[in-house]
Structures are given as C-alpha cells and as structure tokens.
Protein backbone atom coordinates (compact mmCIF):
# COMPACT_ATOMS: atom_id res chain seq x y z
CA MET A 1 0.00 0.06 -0.26
CA ALA A 2 0.98 3.43 -0.95
CA GLY A 3 0.42 7.40 -0.28
CA ARG A 4 -0.76 7.66 3.12
CA SER A 5 -2.69 4.34 3.07
CA LEU A 6 -0.91 2.55 6.32
CA PRO A 7 -0.67 3.72 9.90
CA LEU A 8 1.85 4.94 12.06
CA ALA A 9 2.51 2.69 14.42
CA VAL A 10 3.13 4.32 18.06
CA THR A 11 4.36 2.38 21.18
CA MET A 12 2.97 2.53 24.41
CA GLY A 13 6.64 4.06 26.04
CA ASP A 14 6.74 3.86 30.26
CA PRO A 15 3.52 3.59 31.02
CA ALA A 16 3.89 6.16 34.65
CA GLY A 17 5.42 8.63 31.93
CA VAL A 18 4.31 11.20 29.84
CA GLY A 19 3.49 8.78 26.77
CA PRO A 20 0.11 7.73 27.43
CA ILE A 21 -1.13 11.44 28.41
CA ILE A 22 0.68 12.92 25.00
CA THR A 23 -0.48 9.70 22.70
CA TRP A 24 -3.85 10.85 23.89
CA LYS A 25 -3.39 14.90 23.41
CA ALA A 26 -0.96 13.60 19.45
CA TYR A 27 -4.59 12.44 18.86
CA GLU A 28 -6.41 15.62 19.24
CA GLY A 29 -3.71 17.09 17.16
CA PHE A 30 -3.59 14.68 14.37
CA ARG A 31 -6.92 13.59 14.01
CA THR A 32 -8.00 15.57 10.73
CA ARG A 33 -4.19 14.62 9.46
CA SER A 34 -4.12 12.08 6.18
CA ARG A 35 -2.38 9.52 7.76
CA PRO A 36 -4.14 7.13 10.99
CA PHE A 37 -2.20 6.48 13.83
CA TYR A 38 -2.46 3.44 16.57
CA THR A 39 -0.99 2.69 19.58
CA ILE A 40 0.25 -0.72 20.88
CA ALA A 41 -0.88 -0.13 24.81
CA ASP A 42 -2.79 -1.70 27.84
CA PRO A 43 -6.19 0.27 27.13
CA ARG A 44 -6.34 0.45 31.08
CA VAL A 45 -3.12 2.48 30.57
CA LEU A 46 -5.11 4.84 27.97
CA GLU A 47 -8.08 4.85 30.09
CA ALA A 48 -6.16 6.39 33.04
CA ALA A 49 -3.78 8.80 31.26
CA ARG A 50 -7.57 10.08 29.42
CA THR A 51 -8.68 11.37 32.73
CA ALA A 52 -5.45 13.05 33.41
CA SER A 53 -5.52 14.69 30.20
CA THR A 54 -8.94 15.65 30.24
CA LEU A 55 -9.99 14.57 26.90
CA HIS A 56 -13.09 12.47 26.49
CA TYR A 57 -12.48 11.05 22.83
CA PRO A 58 -12.82 7.25 22.52
CA LEU A 59 -10.87 4.02 22.80
CA ILE A 60 -11.51 1.86 20.10
CA LEU A 61 -10.02 -1.82 20.76
CA ILE A 62 -8.56 -3.27 16.97
CA ALA A 63 -7.46 -6.67 16.20
CA SER A 64 -4.90 -5.19 13.34
CA PRO A 65 -3.01 -2.61 11.99
CA ASP A 66 -5.51 -2.89 9.45
CA GLU A 67 -8.93 -1.68 11.86
CA ALA A 68 -6.60 1.76 12.29
CA ALA A 69 -8.04 3.69 9.60
CA GLU A 70 -11.70 3.64 10.28
CA ALA A 71 -11.29 3.22 13.95
CA PHE A 72 -9.29 6.52 13.34
CA GLN A 73 -12.34 8.36 12.84
CA ARG A 74 -13.88 7.25 15.86
CA GLY A 75 -11.65 7.74 18.54
CA LEU A 76 -7.94 6.52 19.29
CA PRO A 77 -7.39 3.42 18.01
CA VAL A 78 -5.65 0.43 20.06
CA ALA A 79 -3.85 -2.68 19.58
CA PRO A 80 -4.40 -4.33 23.55
CA ILE A 81 -1.02 -5.82 25.18
CA THR A 82 -0.57 -6.58 29.05
CA SER A 83 1.14 -3.92 31.31
CA PRO A 84 0.80 -3.12 34.68
CA VAL A 85 -0.89 0.27 35.42
CA PRO A 86 1.18 2.40 37.32
CA LYS A 87 -0.10 5.55 39.11
CA ALA A 88 1.34 8.67 36.71
CA GLY A 89 5.13 9.29 37.93
CA ALA A 90 6.14 6.33 39.88
CA PRO A 91 7.46 3.65 37.52
CA ASP A 92 7.39 0.16 37.92
CA PRO A 93 9.83 -2.14 36.82
CA ALA A 94 7.27 -5.04 36.14
CA SER A 95 6.41 -2.61 33.68
CA ALA A 96 9.39 -3.28 31.69
CA THR A 97 8.09 -6.75 29.67
CA ALA A 98 5.14 -4.99 28.06
CA ILE A 99 7.28 -1.98 27.27
CA LEU A 100 9.67 -4.00 24.99
CA ASP A 101 6.44 -6.14 23.69
CA SER A 102 5.34 -3.21 22.52
CA ILE A 103 8.27 -1.71 20.54
CA ARG A 104 8.81 -5.29 18.77
CA LEU A 105 5.09 -5.51 18.05
CA ALA A 106 5.25 -1.96 16.66
CA VAL A 107 8.84 -3.05 14.26
CA MET A 108 6.77 -6.33 13.50
CA HIS A 109 4.07 -4.64 12.20
CA VAL A 110 6.48 -2.17 10.11
CA GLN A 111 8.33 -5.37 8.62
CA THR A 112 5.22 -6.77 7.35
CA GLY A 113 4.00 -4.27 5.86
CA LYS A 114 1.29 -3.20 8.05
CA ALA A 115 1.90 0.15 9.10
CA ALA A 116 4.25 2.58 7.30
CA ALA A 117 6.24 4.06 10.61
CA VAL A 118 7.36 3.42 14.02
CA VAL A 119 6.62 6.14 16.82
CA THR A 120 8.38 5.57 20.00
CA ASN A 121 7.28 7.02 23.12
CA PRO A 122 9.88 7.91 25.81
CA ILE A 123 11.23 4.75 28.21
CA ALA A 124 13.53 5.24 31.02
CA LYS A 125 16.49 2.99 30.44
CA ALA A 126 17.26 2.55 33.76
CA LEU A 127 13.99 0.90 34.60
CA LEU A 128 14.64 -1.33 31.91
CA TYR A 129 17.86 -2.39 32.86
CA ARG A 130 17.25 -3.20 36.25
CA ALA A 131 14.76 -6.19 34.31
CA GLY A 132 17.57 -7.06 32.54
CA PHE A 133 17.97 -4.87 29.26
CA LYS A 134 21.08 -4.86 27.51
CA HIS A 135 21.19 -2.42 25.34
CA PRO A 136 22.20 1.50 25.63
CA GLY A 137 18.80 2.65 24.18
CA HIS A 138 16.19 2.75 21.51
CA THR A 139 18.52 3.19 19.22
CA GLU A 140 20.43 -0.13 19.35
CA PHE A 141 17.79 -1.77 20.27
CA LEU A 142 15.82 -0.95 17.49
CA ALA A 143 18.88 -1.92 15.20
CA GLU A 144 18.68 -5.64 16.65
CA LEU A 145 14.71 -5.79 15.87
CA ALA A 146 15.41 -4.93 12.38
CA ALA A 147 18.11 -7.59 12.22
CA ARG A 148 15.52 -9.71 11.03
CA ASP A 149 16.39 -11.06 7.75
CA GLY A 150 20.25 -10.42 8.24
CA PRO A 151 22.95 -8.65 9.80
CA ALA A 152 22.08 -5.66 12.44
CA PRO A 153 22.39 -2.28 10.46
CA ARG A 154 24.35 0.51 12.08
CA PRO A 155 22.09 2.60 13.52
CA VAL A 156 22.57 6.75 13.61
CA MET A 157 20.59 8.48 15.98
CA MET A 158 20.01 12.14 14.56
CA LEU A 159 18.16 14.80 16.28
CA SER A 160 16.08 17.34 13.87
CA GLY A 161 14.89 20.21 15.35
CA GLY A 162 15.48 24.43 15.36
CA GLY A 163 16.40 24.63 12.10
CA LEU A 164 18.64 22.04 12.42
CA ARG A 165 19.58 18.28 11.47
CA VAL A 166 22.25 16.57 13.65
CA ALA A 167 23.73 12.91 13.73
CA LEU A 168 25.62 11.52 16.42
CA ALA A 169 28.64 9.32 15.32
CA THR A 170 29.06 8.39 18.99
CA ILE A 171 26.37 8.01 21.08
CA HIS A 172 25.61 6.93 24.98
CA ARG A 173 28.62 6.75 25.73
CA PRO A 174 31.71 8.32 28.32
CA LEU A 175 32.78 11.74 27.36
CA ALA A 176 36.21 10.19 28.13
CA SER A 177 35.62 7.37 26.36
CA VAL A 178 34.61 9.48 22.97
CA PRO A 179 38.40 10.25 21.63
CA ALA A 180 39.32 6.48 21.82
CA ALA A 181 35.73 5.17 19.82
CA LEU A 182 36.21 7.51 16.77
CA SER A 183 37.67 6.15 13.76
CA SER A 184 37.75 7.42 10.51
CA ASP A 185 36.03 4.31 9.25
CA LEU A 186 33.07 5.16 11.40
CA ILE A 187 32.75 8.53 10.60
CA PHE A 188 32.74 7.82 6.88
CA ASP A 189 29.99 4.78 7.68
CA VAL A 190 27.67 7.69 9.61
CA GLY A 191 28.63 9.90 6.69
CA ARG A 192 27.32 7.09 4.18
CA ILE A 193 24.02 6.58 5.76
CA VAL A 194 23.21 10.18 6.60
CA ASP A 195 23.63 11.05 2.84
CA ALA A 196 21.80 8.21 2.00
CA ALA A 197 18.73 9.05 4.24
CA LEU A 198 18.77 13.22 3.52
CA LYS A 199 18.16 11.57 -0.26
CA ARG A 200 15.56 8.96 0.25
CA ASP A 201 13.75 10.41 3.38
CA PHE A 202 13.96 13.72 3.23
CA GLY A 203 13.68 14.30 -0.63
CA ILE A 204 17.36 16.67 -0.73
CA ALA A 205 18.88 15.86 -4.24
CA ALA A 206 22.22 16.73 -3.03
CA PRO A 207 23.03 16.68 0.52
CA ARG A 208 25.70 19.10 2.09
CA ILE A 209 26.78 17.60 5.33
CA GLY A 210 28.85 19.03 7.94
CA LEU A 211 31.59 17.46 10.37
CA CYS A 212 31.53 18.42 13.67
CA GLY A 213 35.61 18.52 15.01
CA VAL A 214 36.09 17.02 18.14
CA ASN A 215 38.46 19.75 20.17
CA PRO A 216 38.22 23.61 20.52
CA HIS A 217 38.50 24.99 17.03
CA ALA A 218 38.66 22.19 15.58
CA GLY A 219 41.80 20.95 16.97
CA GLU A 220 43.72 24.31 15.54
CA ASP A 221 45.89 22.87 13.48
CA GLY A 222 46.85 20.48 15.70
CA GLU A 223 47.64 22.27 18.80
CA ILE A 224 44.64 21.94 20.49
CA GLY A 225 44.20 17.44 19.89
CA ARG A 226 45.10 15.66 16.37
CA GLU A 227 41.32 13.46 16.11
CA GLU A 228 40.09 16.26 13.05
CA ILE A 229 44.16 15.75 11.26
CA GLU A 230 44.53 11.82 11.86
CA ILE A 231 40.78 10.88 12.09
CA VAL A 232 38.15 13.46 10.88
CA ASN A 233 39.40 14.75 7.53
CA PRO A 234 40.55 11.53 6.39
CA ALA A 235 37.05 10.34 6.77
CA ALA A 236 36.04 13.40 5.14
CA GLN A 237 38.57 12.62 1.90
CA ARG A 238 37.08 9.09 1.77
CA LEU A 239 33.55 11.02 1.90
CA ARG A 240 34.14 13.13 -1.17
CA ALA A 241 35.79 10.63 -3.24
CA SER A 242 32.79 8.27 -2.82
CA GLY A 243 30.49 11.20 -3.67
CA VAL A 244 29.10 12.42 -0.80
CA ASN A 245 29.80 16.40 -0.03
CA ALA A 246 31.36 16.14 2.98
CA SER A 247 33.47 19.33 4.91
CA ASP A 248 36.54 19.04 6.64
CA ALA A 249 36.48 19.53 10.84
CA ARG A 250 34.70 22.54 11.76
CA PRO A 251 34.84 23.85 14.81
CA GLY A 252 32.10 22.84 17.53
CA ASP A 253 31.12 26.39 18.34
CA ILE A 254 30.48 27.43 14.42
CA ILE A 255 29.24 24.76 12.15
CA PHE A 256 25.83 25.16 14.26
CA HIS A 257 25.13 28.20 12.95
CA GLU A 258 26.47 27.56 9.44
CA ALA A 259 23.89 25.12 9.17
CA ARG A 260 21.27 27.16 10.51
CA SER A 261 22.72 30.10 7.74
CA GLY A 262 22.22 27.33 4.83
CA LEU A 263 25.39 26.12 4.50
CA PHE A 264 24.66 22.40 5.66
CA ASP A 265 22.13 20.06 5.39
CA ALA A 266 23.27 18.28 8.73
CA VAL A 267 25.63 18.40 10.34
CA ILE A 268 27.61 15.32 12.31
CA ALA A 269 28.70 15.58 15.99
CA MET A 270 31.49 13.64 16.89
CA TYR A 271 29.53 13.06 20.58
CA HIS A 272 26.08 12.99 22.30
CA ASP A 273 25.98 16.28 24.05
CA GLN A 274 27.44 18.54 21.03
CA GLY A 275 24.80 17.63 19.00
CA LEU A 276 22.30 17.72 21.33
CA ILE A 277 22.39 20.74 23.18
CA PRO A 278 22.18 23.04 20.37
CA VAL A 279 18.75 21.07 19.38
CA LYS A 280 17.49 21.07 22.41
CA THR A 281 18.49 24.92 23.04
CA LEU A 282 16.76 26.07 20.07
CA ASP A 283 13.83 23.62 19.95
CA ILE A 284 12.96 21.93 23.76
CA TRP A 285 9.79 20.70 22.71
CA GLY A 286 9.70 20.45 18.86
CA GLY A 287 12.88 18.51 18.77
CA VAL A 288 12.66 15.11 17.13
CA ASN A 289 14.88 11.99 17.39
CA VAL A 290 15.66 10.07 14.09
CA THR A 291 16.96 6.27 13.88
CA LEU A 292 19.25 6.44 10.76
CA GLY A 293 20.24 3.21 8.86
CA LEU A 294 17.20 1.11 9.57
CA PRO A 295 15.27 -0.53 7.27
CA PHE A 296 12.32 1.00 8.13
CA ILE A 297 11.02 4.89 9.77
CA ARG A 298 11.79 5.16 13.28
CA THR A 299 11.05 8.93 15.22
CA SER A 300 10.58 9.91 18.69
CA PRO A 301 9.63 12.91 20.74
CA ASP A 302 13.13 14.85 21.60
CA HIS A 303 12.67 14.20 25.65
CA GLY A 304 12.07 11.77 28.21
CA VAL A 305 9.83 10.20 30.29
CA ALA A 306 8.90 13.58 32.55
CA TYR A 307 7.54 11.37 35.41
CA ASP A 308 6.79 14.83 37.43
CA ALA A 309 5.13 16.44 34.41
CA ALA A 310 2.99 13.01 34.30
CA ALA A 311 2.49 12.73 37.81
CA ALA A 312 0.93 17.03 37.86
CA GLY A 313 -1.14 16.12 34.28
CA ARG A 314 0.90 19.18 32.43
CA ALA A 315 2.95 17.24 29.81
CA LYS A 316 3.36 18.68 26.19
CA ALA A 317 2.51 16.96 23.28
CA GLU A 318 4.12 18.99 20.72
CA SER A 319 7.26 16.59 20.22
CA LEU A 320 5.42 13.99 19.85
CA ILE A 321 2.93 15.74 17.05
CA VAL A 322 6.22 16.54 15.40
CA ALA A 323 7.68 13.36 15.52
CA MET A 324 4.58 11.89 13.56
CA ASP A 325 4.29 14.80 11.27
CA LEU A 326 8.18 13.72 10.21
CA ALA A 327 7.32 10.23 10.10
CA ASP A 328 4.35 10.58 7.58
CA SER A 329 6.94 12.87 5.24
CA MET A 330 9.55 10.69 5.64
CA ALA A 331 7.39 7.22 4.84
CA ILE A 332 5.76 9.43 1.37
CA ALA A 333 9.28 10.00 0.52
CA ARG A 334 10.29 6.85 0.38
CA ASP A 335 7.42 6.07 -1.58
CA ARG A 336 8.00 8.55 -4.24
CA ALA A 337 11.85 7.45 -3.77
C-alpha cells in the first residue's frame, strides 16, 4: 500500500511517564491529518491517562493495524497488550516486559507491511536495565530488531529541530571514552548513512554535510588535539571521494550557526551532548529523534519520560506530534523514491 494508506504504529512507552497522556493529546492534534495512527498499549493505561489529560475521545480496540484507519475516525485506535497500570509518575519495573513488547510489535507491524513507520514514546532505560535490558537505548534495540532478515544495521541517531539536523557519530558513552571510540571508518560509515537518508527520506537531491571537530577550534591545526587531522579529515576525504559532499572538521562553536544559515543540510557531531545541546536549546519541545540506517522509519519525541510532568498531568504533546508529522513525510518520501 502506498501514499498515506498505512497507519503509524505508536508505542506505549513507560506507562508511568508522559507517553500515554501525550498520545491522547497527539490524537486530538493529529485526528484531522491524512495519515492515521494507532498505539500498542494496555487499554487500562490509556483509560487512566485519558482522565489525566481531560480529553473525552473514545478508545477503540483493534485486532489488526488494518482496522486503524476506520477506527481513527471515531477515536484513538489501540492494539491491546497487557501491562501493569502504575500510578502516573511512579515507575514500576514490572512494566518492562510490556514496554519492550510494544516496541517489538510496532517493528513487526512495519516489517510485515501493516504500518508505515514506528513512532516511539519515551522509555526510562534505568527501569529496563533492572529488568535485564542489555542495550544502551532505543536506537541499539531497534537495530537488533531490524536484523530479522540479516546482520544488524549500524543505527545512526539524528536529532531534527530548531532548523537543524544533527546526527551523532557516537551516542551514549562517557565523554572520556569518545576519542578512543572515534575512527575514520566510523565517521565514513555514518556519513554515508546520513547522505543516503537525506536523499531517500528527506528528498534532498544533493545533501551537504558538515563534520564537527572534536576539540576547541577543530584542533587549531593540531595545537589543541590531533583527532581532526588523524581521524575526522581523512574520513571527510574518503566521503568526498565516494560522492558524499562532506566538509573537513569545522569548529563546534560555529558549525551549527553555519547549518542554520543554509551552508549544511545536516551536521555530524562527534559525541552526544555536542549535538543535542544546540537542538534542545533552539527547540526543546519540537525536537525529534530519528534513527537512520534502519530498513524502516523510526521517530520519537526528543524528551524523556518526565515522571514529574506525568504525575501533574501537565505533559506537552508538541514533540510527539512533530515526530508523527516527520514520520509521515519520511514515509511519503520513501514511497516516491
């Protein structure tokens, strides 16, 4: 099925966090859009969240994603799973199995052609770790799920918001370990994945990619560090030789301004906070986390479970709605490609 026929599959996230509440609010904001969505959750969790959200739309149980489009006209479609129903803001480690089941089912629905994309609600990794979860986060878990028909792909985390697209060469690791984790091969692979995604999923025919330096002033010709000379710039040369329009290492204090000014379509940051700080500073509520390099589309709000906001019923849905909009536009771009 092409165009906007297939629905978006939205995961439950942590049932004690803001996910269930913002899913209801996103339904209110998204229900007149061309593409429907459904959520995979325990209906009791959503019933509790509906009370907190003060919304009064019906909850419609569906047996298959095929039923989502029709149900979406009448209320929030829910593919039911079983989960504990914790109090908002009070996480329950017993929820871990259901949280992961919701993600697995969403991926399976996309892999089997029943859904257009996966949109994940926030999870708390510490809660999952206590239940034996072995992955650093959503991104790496999704890569494993993507390996159903072959080797696991290299997932690339990209944040979109505030007029920026920022991909990460390294993701969730201590800052002290970043230089040893970086390599020209890694940056080359990430650059190729970003270039391909910008063409296929964002409709940019000739992407321009800026590579961020590791050190202040991009190393100042080796005076403040040699990672740019020995790792980043050799990767840039290989990327250009392969047909990818990538810059040499640019100073981290100027490259994001350059991207916002139109010089680059995306920036590759070398470590987590280097990339996330500018995006979240510019657009804390409208940022979207996109996983590149997977055979399916995955987007997510660029915020956490926000237990305090969930307990107070003050959750904002803007980032989830933008994540759904981006998943929709990416699915359309893939259909065209």
